[in-house]
Amino acid sequence: MTRILLADDHKLLIDGLRSLLDKQPALEVVGVAKDGLEATELAMSLRPDVVLLDISMPRQNGIDAARNILRDLPGTKIVMLSMHADRKFIQEALRVGAHGYILKESAAEEVIQAVDAVRKGEFFFSLSVREQVLHDYVEWVRDGAESTPSPLSGREREVLQILAEGKSTKNAAEILHVSVKTIESHRKQIMDKLDLHSIAELTKYAIREGLTPLD
């Protein structure tokens, strides 16, 4: 049974969501709060599995309530409710540890899916929120790629991948059509740049950087 706490200062929305959730045999609404402070207090005493939190509430907003709840109950999953797909609110919600962000206009259709997803450790966003998150992620990756380039050259990354995949120096030379001496030189440069001292350490680095699969 998944135990749920609802927090929103709009009674009609709360009543509608509660009615919807109560019809699900595997879900139980254990409490209802009308502001962030009450949501935090109830979460501490009821220890719900999932908290549905309105972003904008009196006394304490949903972002601060989520931060306080997750500080003491890190295993609780937070799904934020909002009227708008506001970038700042989405970013703040994710920063404090929320696993979901759904718009109130689609909450009736999405709340069951959201609860099911976050209980599994997954993330759930309304469509327009999902598009905003994806857009921001793409921008972050591009900016990050420009500001933090790999310490290795393209050829060094090729050599590292081949060696990390278990190939010998001779095999690497044949694959890249260079001499064994050139591969040995590249390997030394790679180790010096990364401050690594064995093939095992190079392999771990290659896996971590996504150059070679774990298996």
Protein backbone atom coordinates (compact mmCIF):
# COMPACT_ATOMS: atom_id res chain seq x y z
CA MET A 1 0.00 0.00 0.00
CA THR A 2 1.40 3.38 -1.05
CA ARG A 3 0.68 6.05 1.56
CA ILE A 4 0.10 9.55 0.20
CA LEU A 5 0.02 13.02 1.74
CA LEU A 6 -1.75 15.82 -0.17
CA ALA A 7 -0.87 19.48 0.30
CA ASP A 8 -2.70 22.31 -1.49
CA ASP A 9 -4.66 25.34 -0.34
CA HIS A 10 -7.36 24.84 -2.99
CA LYS A 11 -10.06 22.66 -1.49
CA LEU A 12 -11.69 21.75 -4.80
CA LEU A 13 -8.44 20.40 -6.21
CA ILE A 14 -7.64 18.47 -3.03
CA ASP A 15 -11.12 16.97 -2.89
CA GLY A 16 -10.88 15.92 -6.53
CA LEU A 17 -7.46 14.34 -6.18
CA ARG A 18 -8.40 12.59 -2.96
CA SER A 19 -11.51 11.12 -4.54
CA LEU A 20 -9.44 9.89 -7.47
CA LEU A 21 -6.71 8.37 -5.30
CA ASP A 22 -9.16 6.75 -2.88
CA LYS A 23 -10.55 4.70 -5.76
CA GLN A 24 -7.19 2.99 -6.23
CA PRO A 25 -6.91 -0.14 -4.06
CA ALA A 26 -3.12 0.12 -3.77
CA LEU A 27 -3.15 3.80 -2.71
CA GLU A 28 -4.12 5.39 0.60
CA VAL A 29 -4.40 9.11 1.34
CA VAL A 30 -3.15 9.36 4.92
CA GLY A 31 -3.35 13.14 5.34
CA VAL A 32 -4.24 16.50 3.83
CA ALA A 33 -2.45 19.80 4.45
CA LYS A 34 -3.48 23.30 3.41
CA ASP A 35 -0.02 24.94 3.57
CA GLY A 36 3.66 24.09 3.54
CA LEU A 37 4.23 24.15 7.28
CA GLU A 38 1.33 21.82 7.91
CA ALA A 39 2.57 19.54 5.12
CA THR A 40 6.00 19.33 6.76
CA GLU A 41 4.53 18.60 10.20
CA LEU A 42 2.19 15.92 8.85
CA ALA A 43 4.98 14.33 6.83
CA MET A 44 7.12 14.01 9.95
CA SER A 45 4.34 12.32 11.89
CA LEU A 46 2.72 10.24 9.15
CA ARG A 47 5.87 9.34 7.16
CA PRO A 48 4.08 8.96 3.80
CA ASP A 49 5.63 7.27 0.78
CA VAL A 50 4.63 10.09 -1.57
CA VAL A 51 3.82 13.75 -0.96
CA LEU A 52 1.89 15.77 -3.55
CA LEU A 53 2.86 19.39 -2.91
CA ASP A 54 1.45 22.58 -4.37
CA ILE A 55 4.26 24.95 -5.39
CA SER A 56 2.47 28.08 -4.13
CA MET A 57 1.00 27.78 -0.65
CA PRO A 58 0.59 30.19 2.29
CA ARG A 59 2.98 30.25 5.28
CA GLN A 60 5.51 28.05 3.46
CA ASN A 61 5.79 27.33 -0.27
CA GLY A 62 6.07 23.85 -1.72
CA ILE A 63 9.77 24.14 -2.57
CA ASP A 64 10.77 24.91 1.01
CA ALA A 65 8.37 22.29 2.33
CA ALA A 66 9.92 19.69 0.01
CA ARG A 67 13.41 20.64 1.15
CA ASN A 68 12.44 20.26 4.81
CA ILE A 69 10.62 16.97 4.27
CA LEU A 70 13.45 15.39 2.29
CA ARG A 71 16.05 16.53 4.81
CA ASP A 72 14.46 14.29 7.46
CA LEU A 73 12.70 11.76 5.21
CA PRO A 74 15.04 11.22 2.26
CA GLY A 75 13.16 8.11 1.15
CA THR A 76 9.91 10.02 0.62
CA LYS A 77 9.08 10.88 -2.98
CA ILE A 78 7.88 14.40 -3.79
CA VAL A 79 5.60 15.33 -6.68
CA MET A 80 5.10 19.05 -7.17
CA LEU A 81 1.79 20.52 -8.37
CA SER A 82 1.72 23.83 -10.24
CA MET A 83 -0.44 26.01 -12.44
CA HIS A 84 2.47 26.76 -14.78
CA ALA A 85 5.53 25.11 -16.32
CA ASP A 86 7.74 27.86 -14.95
CA ARG A 87 11.43 27.13 -15.58
CA LYS A 88 12.60 28.57 -12.27
CA PHE A 89 10.09 26.53 -10.26
CA ILE A 90 10.93 23.35 -12.18
CA GLN A 91 14.65 23.83 -11.60
CA GLU A 92 14.16 24.56 -7.91
CA ALA A 93 11.90 21.53 -7.50
CA LEU A 94 14.48 19.24 -9.07
CA ARG A 95 17.29 20.87 -7.10
CA VAL A 96 15.66 20.10 -3.75
CA GLY A 97 14.99 16.49 -4.78
CA ALA A 98 11.47 16.27 -6.24
CA HIS A 99 10.82 13.26 -8.48
CA GLY A 100 7.78 14.66 -10.25
CA TYR A 101 6.21 17.89 -11.47
CA ILE A 102 2.68 17.89 -12.84
CA LEU A 103 0.43 20.71 -13.94
CA LYS A 104 -2.87 21.15 -12.15
CA GLU A 105 -4.73 21.31 -15.44
CA SER A 106 -3.75 17.71 -16.13
CA ALA A 107 -3.44 16.44 -12.56
CA ALA A 108 -6.64 14.39 -12.74
CA GLU A 109 -5.29 12.43 -15.71
CA GLU A 110 -1.69 12.16 -14.54
CA VAL A 111 -1.66 11.86 -10.76
CA ILE A 112 -1.98 8.06 -10.67
CA GLN A 113 0.80 7.68 -13.25
CA ALA A 114 2.96 10.13 -11.33
CA VAL A 115 2.55 8.33 -8.01
CA ASP A 116 3.25 4.96 -9.62
CA ALA A 117 6.38 6.27 -11.35
CA VAL A 118 7.98 8.00 -8.39
CA ARG A 119 7.37 5.05 -6.08
CA LYS A 120 9.54 3.04 -8.48
CA GLY A 121 12.29 5.64 -8.26
CA GLU A 122 11.45 7.06 -11.67
CA PHE A 123 10.69 10.67 -12.63
CA PHE A 124 7.37 11.92 -13.95
CA PHE A 125 6.59 15.24 -15.62
CA SER A 126 3.61 16.67 -17.45
CA LEU A 127 4.33 16.93 -21.19
CA SER A 128 5.12 20.65 -21.31
CA VAL A 129 7.28 20.29 -18.19
CA ARG A 130 9.07 17.34 -19.76
CA GLU A 131 9.87 19.44 -22.82
CA GLN A 132 11.26 22.22 -20.64
CA VAL A 133 13.41 19.81 -18.63
CA LEU A 134 14.74 18.19 -21.81
CA HIS A 135 15.51 21.58 -23.35
CA ASP A 136 17.38 22.70 -20.23
CA TYR A 137 19.30 19.42 -20.11
CA VAL A 138 20.38 19.75 -23.72
CA GLU A 139 21.56 23.31 -23.08
CA TRP A 140 23.41 22.17 -19.96
CA VAL A 141 25.17 19.36 -21.83
CA ARG A 142 26.22 21.72 -24.60
CA ASP A 143 27.47 24.37 -22.20
CA GLY A 144 29.22 21.77 -20.08
CA ALA A 145 30.88 20.16 -23.08
CA GLU A 146 32.29 23.53 -24.10
CA SER A 147 33.50 24.56 -20.65
CA THR A 148 34.95 21.21 -19.52
CA PRO A 149 36.62 19.52 -22.49
CA SER A 150 38.10 16.05 -22.15
CA PRO A 151 41.76 16.10 -21.10
CA LEU A 152 42.44 13.51 -23.80
CA SER A 153 42.80 14.05 -27.52
CA GLY A 154 40.59 12.20 -29.97
CA ARG A 155 43.33 9.68 -30.76
CA GLU A 156 44.08 9.17 -27.07
CA ARG A 157 40.42 8.41 -26.42
CA GLU A 158 40.49 5.85 -29.23
CA VAL A 159 43.58 4.19 -27.77
CA LEU A 160 42.08 4.22 -24.29
CA GLN A 161 38.90 2.54 -25.47
CA ILE A 162 40.75 -0.20 -27.30
CA LEU A 163 43.04 -0.93 -24.35
CA ALA A 164 40.12 -0.81 -21.89
CA GLU A 165 38.32 -3.40 -24.00
CA GLY A 166 41.14 -5.85 -23.30
CA LYS A 167 43.10 -5.55 -26.52
CA SER A 168 46.88 -5.81 -26.42
CA THR A 169 49.22 -3.03 -27.48
CA LYS A 170 49.90 -4.95 -30.68
CA ASN A 171 46.16 -5.33 -31.36
CA ALA A 172 45.64 -1.62 -30.78
CA ALA A 173 48.43 -0.80 -33.22
CA GLU A 174 46.87 -3.03 -35.87
CA ILE A 175 43.40 -1.57 -35.37
CA LEU A 176 44.62 2.03 -35.62
CA HIS A 177 47.24 1.29 -38.30
CA VAL A 178 50.12 2.71 -36.28
CA SER A 179 53.24 1.25 -34.71
CA VAL A 180 53.38 -0.48 -31.33
CA LYS A 181 55.76 2.26 -30.21
CA THR A 182 53.11 4.90 -31.04
CA ILE A 183 50.49 3.06 -28.95
CA GLU A 184 52.93 2.79 -26.05
CA SER A 185 53.60 6.51 -26.32
CA HIS A 186 49.87 7.29 -26.32
CA ARG A 187 49.30 5.01 -23.31
CA LYS A 188 52.00 6.81 -21.33
CA GLN A 189 50.56 10.21 -22.23
CA ILE A 190 47.07 9.05 -21.20
CA MET A 191 48.32 7.76 -17.86
CA ASP A 192 50.28 10.96 -17.23
CA LYS A 193 47.32 13.19 -18.09
CA LEU A 194 44.87 11.22 -15.95
CA ASP A 195 47.35 10.38 -13.18
CA LEU A 196 46.47 6.70 -13.51
CA HIS A 197 48.99 3.91 -13.17
CA SER A 198 47.52 0.64 -14.46
CA ILE A 199 45.31 -0.80 -17.18
CA ALA A 200 42.72 -1.59 -14.49
CA GLU A 201 42.53 2.08 -13.52
CA LEU A 202 42.34 3.08 -17.18
CA THR A 203 39.49 0.61 -17.69
CA LYS A 204 37.53 2.06 -14.75
CA TYR A 205 38.02 5.55 -16.15
CA ALA A 206 36.87 4.45 -19.63
CA ILE A 207 33.71 2.87 -18.19
CA ARG A 208 32.96 5.94 -16.08
CA GLU A 209 33.38 8.24 -19.09
CA GLY A 210 31.17 6.03 -21.27
CA LEU A 211 34.00 5.07 -23.65
CA THR A 212 33.40 1.37 -23.15
CA PRO A 213 30.44 -0.61 -21.75
CA LEU A 214 30.53 -2.10 -18.27
CA ASP A 215 30.38 -5.65 -19.62
